[in-house]
Each structure stands twice: as structure tokens, then as C-alpha cells.
Amino acid sequence: QVQLVESGGGLVQAGGSLRLSCAASGRTFSSVAMGWFRQAPGKERELVAAVSQSGGSTYYADSVKGRFTISRDNAKTTVYLQMNSLKPEDTSVYYCAAGDYLGRLRVGAPHYWGQGTQVTVSS
């Protein structure tokens, strides 16, 4: 089992930045791939970014490439999502997720989910 707790969401103006954090506990953190999903009202949940167990491989949705950066600190059992140049369309609930391998996250089927944190970008 892996328990995931997100933090760092909030309200920001367009063009601003936020950093989300997800603290993990339970299973050995370095054994799971990590990712961030988001879901806006009336829309399907989508994978925003993901990182492999070692941090050597990453994935980004086209909509966030060049603006968002995912990173992990295995010593602190925490994964981060640095979000820059935020746009109103980035407004969503952001969920941290973990899976046995990166492919599970890529197909939208992680093993574990956090409770979500709201990000609101005003225009």
C-alpha cells in the first residue's frame, strides 16, 4: 500500500506559478513510478506528467510541455510538480498517483491515488 498526500494547490493569476507536492508513505517510494493527473469539471481525468522510479524517464502531456516540470526526491519520498506560466485552462483538481511502472500511469491505471488538491487560475 502507498498513501499519498498532496499539498500546494491554491488560487493564482494567469502567468503565475505554483508548486505541488505529494508526500508518500507505506511501500518503498523508490519502487513506484509517480505521476500527476488532473480533472476539471465535466471533463475526463488526464495524465499531466509522470516520472519513473529513478527519475530518469518522464512524460508530459502536450498541453503542459515547457511549462510544467515533474521531479521526485526519493530520500524525502516526495514528488513535485512545478507549474509555471499557468493558464485559466489549467484550473482543475490535481491528483497525485503511483504505479508499479510508468506504463500504468500512461494508460491511466495507477495503483494508488491521493485525495486531490484544487488549482484555480484566474484570468
N, C-alpha and C. Protein backbone atom coordinates (compact mmCIF):
# COMPACT_ATOMS: atom_id res chain seq x y z
N GLN A 1 0.83 -1.19 0.00
CA GLN A 1 0.00 0.00 0.00
C GLN A 1 0.87 1.25 0.00
N VAL A 2 0.39 2.27 -0.66
CA VAL A 2 1.05 3.57 -0.67
C VAL A 2 0.01 4.63 -0.32
N GLN A 3 0.32 5.46 0.63
CA GLN A 3 -0.55 6.58 0.97
C GLN A 3 0.06 7.86 0.39
N LEU A 4 -0.80 8.67 -0.24
CA LEU A 4 -0.33 9.86 -0.94
C LEU A 4 -1.09 11.08 -0.42
N VAL A 5 -0.37 12.13 -0.07
CA VAL A 5 -0.98 13.36 0.43
C VAL A 5 -0.44 14.54 -0.36
N GLU A 6 -1.34 15.21 -1.09
CA GLU A 6 -0.94 16.36 -1.90
C GLU A 6 -1.02 17.65 -1.08
N SER A 7 -0.25 18.63 -1.50
CA SER A 7 -0.32 19.97 -0.94
C SER A 7 0.19 20.95 -1.98
N GLY A 8 -0.09 22.23 -1.75
CA GLY A 8 0.44 23.27 -2.62
C GLY A 8 -0.54 23.88 -3.59
N GLY A 9 -1.75 23.38 -3.63
CA GLY A 9 -2.73 23.97 -4.52
C GLY A 9 -3.18 25.33 -4.02
N GLY A 10 -3.95 26.03 -4.85
CA GLY A 10 -4.45 27.34 -4.45
C GLY A 10 -4.90 28.14 -5.63
N LEU A 11 -5.07 29.44 -5.39
CA LEU A 11 -5.53 30.38 -6.41
C LEU A 11 -4.35 31.22 -6.87
N VAL A 12 -4.20 31.33 -8.19
CA VAL A 12 -3.09 32.10 -8.74
C VAL A 12 -3.58 32.80 -10.01
N GLN A 13 -2.98 33.93 -10.32
CA GLN A 13 -3.34 34.64 -11.54
C GLN A 13 -2.66 34.00 -12.74
N ALA A 14 -3.27 34.18 -13.89
CA ALA A 14 -2.68 33.67 -15.12
C ALA A 14 -1.25 34.22 -15.27
N GLY A 15 -0.36 33.34 -15.69
CA GLY A 15 1.05 33.69 -15.82
C GLY A 15 1.86 33.40 -14.58
N GLY A 16 1.19 33.09 -13.51
CA GLY A 16 1.86 32.80 -12.25
C GLY A 16 2.35 31.36 -12.16
N SER A 17 2.87 31.03 -10.97
CA SER A 17 3.45 29.70 -10.74
C SER A 17 2.93 29.11 -9.44
N LEU A 18 2.92 27.80 -9.40
CA LEU A 18 2.62 27.04 -8.19
C LEU A 18 3.47 25.79 -8.20
N ARG A 19 3.78 25.29 -7.02
CA ARG A 19 4.46 24.01 -6.91
C ARG A 19 3.62 23.08 -6.05
N LEU A 20 3.23 21.97 -6.63
CA LEU A 20 2.51 20.95 -5.90
C LEU A 20 3.50 19.94 -5.34
N SER A 21 3.18 19.44 -4.16
CA SER A 21 3.98 18.40 -3.53
C SER A 21 3.09 17.22 -3.20
N CYS A 22 3.67 16.05 -3.23
CA CYS A 22 2.94 14.84 -2.86
C CYS A 22 3.86 13.99 -1.99
N ALA A 23 3.50 13.87 -0.73
CA ALA A 23 4.27 13.07 0.20
C ALA A 23 3.72 11.65 0.22
N ALA A 24 4.61 10.70 0.07
CA ALA A 24 4.22 9.29 0.03
C ALA A 24 4.69 8.56 1.27
N SER A 25 3.92 7.58 1.68
CA SER A 25 4.31 6.72 2.80
C SER A 25 3.78 5.31 2.52
N GLY A 26 4.36 4.38 3.25
CA GLY A 26 3.95 2.99 3.06
C GLY A 26 5.02 2.22 2.33
N ARG A 27 4.70 1.78 1.17
CA ARG A 27 5.62 1.00 0.35
C ARG A 27 6.87 1.81 0.00
N THR A 28 7.98 1.14 -0.28
CA THR A 28 9.22 1.80 -0.65
C THR A 28 9.00 2.75 -1.83
N PHE A 29 9.23 4.02 -1.58
CA PHE A 29 8.92 5.05 -2.56
C PHE A 29 9.66 4.84 -3.86
N SER A 30 10.91 4.44 -3.77
CA SER A 30 11.73 4.31 -4.98
C SER A 30 11.31 3.13 -5.85
N SER A 31 10.34 2.34 -5.40
CA SER A 31 9.90 1.19 -6.19
C SER A 31 8.69 1.51 -7.06
N VAL A 32 8.15 2.72 -6.96
CA VAL A 32 6.96 3.08 -7.71
C VAL A 32 7.20 4.27 -8.62
N ALA A 33 6.58 4.22 -9.79
CA ALA A 33 6.54 5.39 -10.66
C ALA A 33 5.48 6.34 -10.11
N MET A 34 5.68 7.64 -10.35
CA MET A 34 4.77 8.64 -9.79
C MET A 34 4.25 9.55 -10.90
N GLY A 35 3.07 10.07 -10.67
CA GLY A 35 2.52 10.96 -11.68
C GLY A 35 1.51 11.93 -11.09
N TRP A 36 1.16 12.91 -11.91
CA TRP A 36 0.11 13.87 -11.57
C TRP A 36 -0.96 13.82 -12.66
N PHE A 37 -2.19 13.66 -12.21
CA PHE A 37 -3.34 13.73 -13.08
C PHE A 37 -4.13 14.99 -12.72
N ARG A 38 -5.03 15.38 -13.60
CA ARG A 38 -5.94 16.47 -13.26
C ARG A 38 -7.30 16.20 -13.87
N GLN A 39 -8.30 16.78 -13.23
CA GLN A 39 -9.67 16.63 -13.72
C GLN A 39 -10.42 17.92 -13.48
N ALA A 40 -10.89 18.51 -14.56
CA ALA A 40 -11.72 19.71 -14.49
C ALA A 40 -13.19 19.30 -14.51
N PRO A 41 -14.07 20.15 -14.01
CA PRO A 41 -15.50 19.81 -14.01
C PRO A 41 -16.01 19.48 -15.41
N GLY A 42 -16.69 18.34 -15.52
CA GLY A 42 -17.25 17.93 -16.79
C GLY A 42 -16.27 17.32 -17.76
N LYS A 43 -15.03 17.15 -17.33
CA LYS A 43 -14.01 16.58 -18.22
C LYS A 43 -13.44 15.31 -17.63
N GLU A 44 -12.83 14.50 -18.49
CA GLU A 44 -12.21 13.28 -18.02
C GLU A 44 -10.88 13.58 -17.32
N ARG A 45 -10.52 12.69 -16.42
CA ARG A 45 -9.24 12.82 -15.76
C ARG A 45 -8.14 12.55 -16.78
N GLU A 46 -7.09 13.37 -16.76
CA GLU A 46 -5.99 13.22 -17.71
C GLU A 46 -4.65 13.22 -17.00
N LEU A 47 -3.72 12.47 -17.57
CA LEU A 47 -2.36 12.45 -17.05
C LEU A 47 -1.64 13.72 -17.49
N VAL A 48 -1.08 14.42 -16.54
CA VAL A 48 -0.36 15.66 -16.82
C VAL A 48 1.13 15.40 -16.97
N ALA A 49 1.68 14.65 -16.01
CA ALA A 49 3.11 14.37 -16.02
C ALA A 49 3.38 13.12 -15.20
N ALA A 50 4.45 12.42 -15.55
CA ALA A 50 4.81 11.22 -14.80
C ALA A 50 6.33 11.07 -14.81
N VAL A 51 6.82 10.35 -13.82
CA VAL A 51 8.26 10.13 -13.69
C VAL A 51 8.51 8.70 -13.24
N SER A 52 9.55 8.11 -13.78
CA SER A 52 9.89 6.73 -13.46
C SER A 52 10.48 6.63 -12.05
N GLN A 53 10.71 5.40 -11.62
CA GLN A 53 11.19 5.16 -10.26
C GLN A 53 12.50 5.90 -9.97
N SER A 54 13.40 5.89 -10.92
CA SER A 54 14.71 6.52 -10.71
C SER A 54 14.70 8.02 -11.03
N GLY A 55 13.66 8.46 -11.71
CA GLY A 55 13.61 9.84 -12.16
C GLY A 55 14.22 10.03 -13.54
N GLY A 56 14.71 8.95 -14.13
CA GLY A 56 15.39 9.06 -15.40
C GLY A 56 14.49 9.22 -16.60
N SER A 57 13.23 8.82 -16.47
CA SER A 57 12.27 8.95 -17.57
C SER A 57 11.09 9.78 -17.11
N THR A 58 10.66 10.66 -17.99
CA THR A 58 9.50 11.50 -17.67
C THR A 58 8.55 11.53 -18.86
N TYR A 59 7.32 11.89 -18.55
CA TYR A 59 6.28 12.06 -19.57
C TYR A 59 5.53 13.34 -19.25
N TYR A 60 5.17 14.07 -20.32
CA TYR A 60 4.35 15.28 -20.16
C TYR A 60 3.25 15.29 -21.21
N ALA A 61 2.09 15.71 -20.80
CA ALA A 61 1.03 15.97 -21.77
C ALA A 61 1.44 17.14 -22.65
N ASP A 62 1.01 17.12 -23.90
CA ASP A 62 1.38 18.19 -24.82
C ASP A 62 0.96 19.56 -24.29
N SER A 63 -0.15 19.60 -23.58
CA SER A 63 -0.69 20.87 -23.12
C SER A 63 0.17 21.54 -22.05
N VAL A 64 1.09 20.80 -21.44
CA VAL A 64 1.90 21.37 -20.36
C VAL A 64 3.39 21.36 -20.65
N LYS A 65 3.77 20.78 -21.77
CA LYS A 65 5.20 20.71 -22.10
C LYS A 65 5.81 22.11 -22.15
N GLY A 66 6.97 22.24 -21.53
CA GLY A 66 7.66 23.53 -21.50
C GLY A 66 7.20 24.44 -20.37
N ARG A 67 6.10 24.08 -19.70
CA ARG A 67 5.59 24.90 -18.61
C ARG A 67 5.64 24.18 -17.26
N PHE A 68 5.41 22.88 -17.27
CA PHE A 68 5.39 22.09 -16.04
C PHE A 68 6.63 21.21 -15.99
N THR A 69 7.10 20.96 -14.76
CA THR A 69 8.22 20.05 -14.55
C THR A 69 7.91 19.13 -13.38
N ILE A 70 8.03 17.84 -13.62
CA ILE A 70 7.85 16.86 -12.55
C ILE A 70 9.22 16.42 -12.06
N SER A 71 9.33 16.25 -10.75
CA SER A 71 10.58 15.77 -10.17
C SER A 71 10.25 14.97 -8.92
N ARG A 72 11.20 14.19 -8.48
CA ARG A 72 11.00 13.40 -7.28
C ARG A 72 12.27 13.41 -6.44
N ASP A 73 12.06 13.30 -5.15
CA ASP A 73 13.16 13.20 -4.20
C ASP A 73 12.94 11.91 -3.43
N ASN A 74 13.64 10.87 -3.81
CA ASN A 74 13.41 9.56 -3.20
C ASN A 74 13.81 9.55 -1.72
N ALA A 75 14.75 10.37 -1.34
CA ALA A 75 15.15 10.44 0.06
C ALA A 75 14.04 11.06 0.91
N LYS A 76 13.29 11.99 0.33
CA LYS A 76 12.19 12.64 1.05
C LYS A 76 10.84 12.00 0.74
N THR A 77 10.85 10.97 -0.08
CA THR A 77 9.63 10.26 -0.52
C THR A 77 8.56 11.25 -0.98
N THR A 78 8.97 12.18 -1.80
CA THR A 78 8.07 13.24 -2.26
C THR A 78 8.25 13.44 -3.76
N VAL A 79 7.13 13.69 -4.43
CA VAL A 79 7.16 14.06 -5.84
C VAL A 79 6.59 15.47 -5.96
N TYR A 80 7.14 16.22 -6.91
CA TYR A 80 6.75 17.62 -7.07
C TYR A 80 6.24 17.86 -8.49
N LEU A 81 5.41 18.88 -8.61
CA LEU A 81 5.01 19.36 -9.93
C LEU A 81 5.16 20.88 -9.91
N GLN A 82 6.19 21.37 -10.58
CA GLN A 82 6.39 22.80 -10.70
C GLN A 82 5.59 23.28 -11.91
N MET A 83 4.69 24.20 -11.68
CA MET A 83 3.81 24.69 -12.74
C MET A 83 4.08 26.18 -12.96
N ASN A 84 4.57 26.50 -14.14
CA ASN A 84 4.87 27.88 -14.50
C ASN A 84 3.96 28.33 -15.64
N SER A 85 3.90 29.63 -15.84
CA SER A 85 3.09 30.21 -16.93
C SER A 85 1.69 29.62 -16.94
N LEU A 86 1.07 29.61 -15.78
CA LEU A 86 -0.24 28.98 -15.65
C LEU A 86 -1.29 29.72 -16.46
N LYS A 87 -2.23 28.93 -16.97
CA LYS A 87 -3.32 29.45 -17.79
C LYS A 87 -4.65 29.10 -17.13
N PRO A 88 -5.70 29.86 -17.42
CA PRO A 88 -7.01 29.52 -16.84
C PRO A 88 -7.43 28.08 -17.15
N GLU A 89 -7.05 27.56 -18.29
CA GLU A 89 -7.43 26.19 -18.63
C GLU A 89 -6.67 25.14 -17.83
N ASP A 90 -5.71 25.55 -17.02
CA ASP A 90 -5.04 24.62 -16.10
C ASP A 90 -5.85 24.41 -14.83
N THR A 91 -6.91 25.18 -14.66
CA THR A 91 -7.76 25.05 -13.48
C THR A 91 -8.36 23.65 -13.41
N SER A 92 -8.08 22.94 -12.32
CA SER A 92 -8.52 21.56 -12.15
C SER A 92 -8.23 21.12 -10.72
N VAL A 93 -8.75 19.97 -10.38
CA VAL A 93 -8.27 19.26 -9.21
C VAL A 93 -7.11 18.39 -9.68
N TYR A 94 -5.98 18.51 -9.00
CA TYR A 94 -4.78 17.77 -9.36
C TYR A 94 -4.60 16.61 -8.38
N TYR A 95 -4.39 15.43 -8.94
CA TYR A 95 -4.25 14.21 -8.15
C TYR A 95 -2.86 13.62 -8.32
N CYS A 96 -2.26 13.28 -7.23
CA CYS A 96 -1.02 12.52 -7.23
C CYS A 96 -1.37 11.04 -7.38
N ALA A 97 -0.53 10.29 -8.07
CA ALA A 97 -0.80 8.87 -8.29
C ALA A 97 0.50 8.09 -8.33
N ALA A 98 0.41 6.81 -8.01
CA ALA A 98 1.58 5.94 -8.02
C ALA A 98 1.22 4.61 -8.68
N GLY A 99 2.21 4.05 -9.37
CA GLY A 99 2.00 2.77 -10.02
C GLY A 99 3.29 1.96 -10.06
N ASP A 100 3.14 0.68 -10.30
CA ASP A 100 4.30 -0.20 -10.30
C ASP A 100 5.30 0.18 -11.39
N TYR A 101 4.79 0.73 -12.48
CA TYR A 101 5.68 1.14 -13.55
C TYR A 101 5.03 2.29 -14.32
N LEU A 102 5.86 3.00 -15.07
CA LEU A 102 5.42 4.21 -15.75
C LEU A 102 4.26 3.93 -16.70
N GLY A 103 4.28 2.76 -17.32
CA GLY A 103 3.22 2.43 -18.26
C GLY A 103 1.84 2.41 -17.64
N ARG A 104 1.75 2.02 -16.39
CA ARG A 104 0.45 2.03 -15.72
C ARG A 104 -0.10 3.44 -15.65
N LEU A 105 0.74 4.39 -15.40
CA LEU A 105 0.30 5.78 -15.35
C LEU A 105 -0.04 6.28 -16.75
N ARG A 106 0.73 5.89 -17.74
CA ARG A 106 0.49 6.34 -19.11
C ARG A 106 -0.88 5.90 -19.62
N VAL A 107 -1.36 4.75 -19.15
CA VAL A 107 -2.67 4.28 -19.60
C VAL A 107 -3.77 4.65 -18.62
N GLY A 108 -3.44 5.48 -17.66
CA GLY A 108 -4.44 5.97 -16.73
C GLY A 108 -4.90 4.97 -15.69
N ALA A 109 -4.01 4.03 -15.34
CA ALA A 109 -4.40 2.98 -14.40
C ALA A 109 -3.40 2.84 -13.27
N PRO A 110 -3.17 3.89 -12.52
CA PRO A 110 -2.25 3.76 -11.38
C PRO A 110 -2.85 2.88 -10.29
N HIS A 111 -2.01 2.42 -9.40
CA HIS A 111 -2.49 1.58 -8.31
C HIS A 111 -3.01 2.42 -7.14
N TYR A 112 -2.46 3.59 -6.98
CA TYR A 112 -2.78 4.40 -5.80
C TYR A 112 -3.06 5.84 -6.21
N TRP A 113 -3.99 6.46 -5.46
CA TRP A 113 -4.38 7.85 -5.71
C TRP A 113 -4.31 8.67 -4.44
N GLY A 114 -3.97 9.95 -4.58
CA GLY A 114 -4.13 10.89 -3.49
C GLY A 114 -5.54 11.45 -3.50
N GLN A 115 -5.82 12.35 -2.56
CA GLN A 115 -7.18 12.87 -2.41
C GLN A 115 -7.44 14.07 -3.31
N GLY A 116 -6.40 14.65 -3.86
CA GLY A 116 -6.55 15.77 -4.78
C GLY A 116 -6.36 17.11 -4.12
N THR A 117 -5.89 18.07 -4.91
CA THR A 117 -5.74 19.45 -4.44
C THR A 117 -6.20 20.37 -5.57
N GLN A 118 -6.95 21.40 -5.19
CA GLN A 118 -7.54 22.30 -6.18
C GLN A 118 -6.53 23.35 -6.63
N VAL A 119 -6.43 23.53 -7.93
CA VAL A 119 -5.65 24.61 -8.52
C VAL A 119 -6.61 25.46 -9.34
N THR A 120 -6.65 26.74 -9.03
CA THR A 120 -7.52 27.66 -9.75
C THR A 120 -6.67 28.80 -10.31
N VAL A 121 -6.77 29.00 -11.62
CA VAL A 121 -6.02 30.05 -12.29
C VAL A 121 -7.00 31.09 -12.80
N SER A 122 -6.88 32.29 -12.29
CA SER A 122 -7.79 33.36 -12.70
C SER A 122 -7.21 34.14 -13.87
N SER A 123 -8.11 34.64 -14.71
CA SER A 123 -7.66 35.38 -15.90
C SER A 123 -7.53 36.87 -15.62
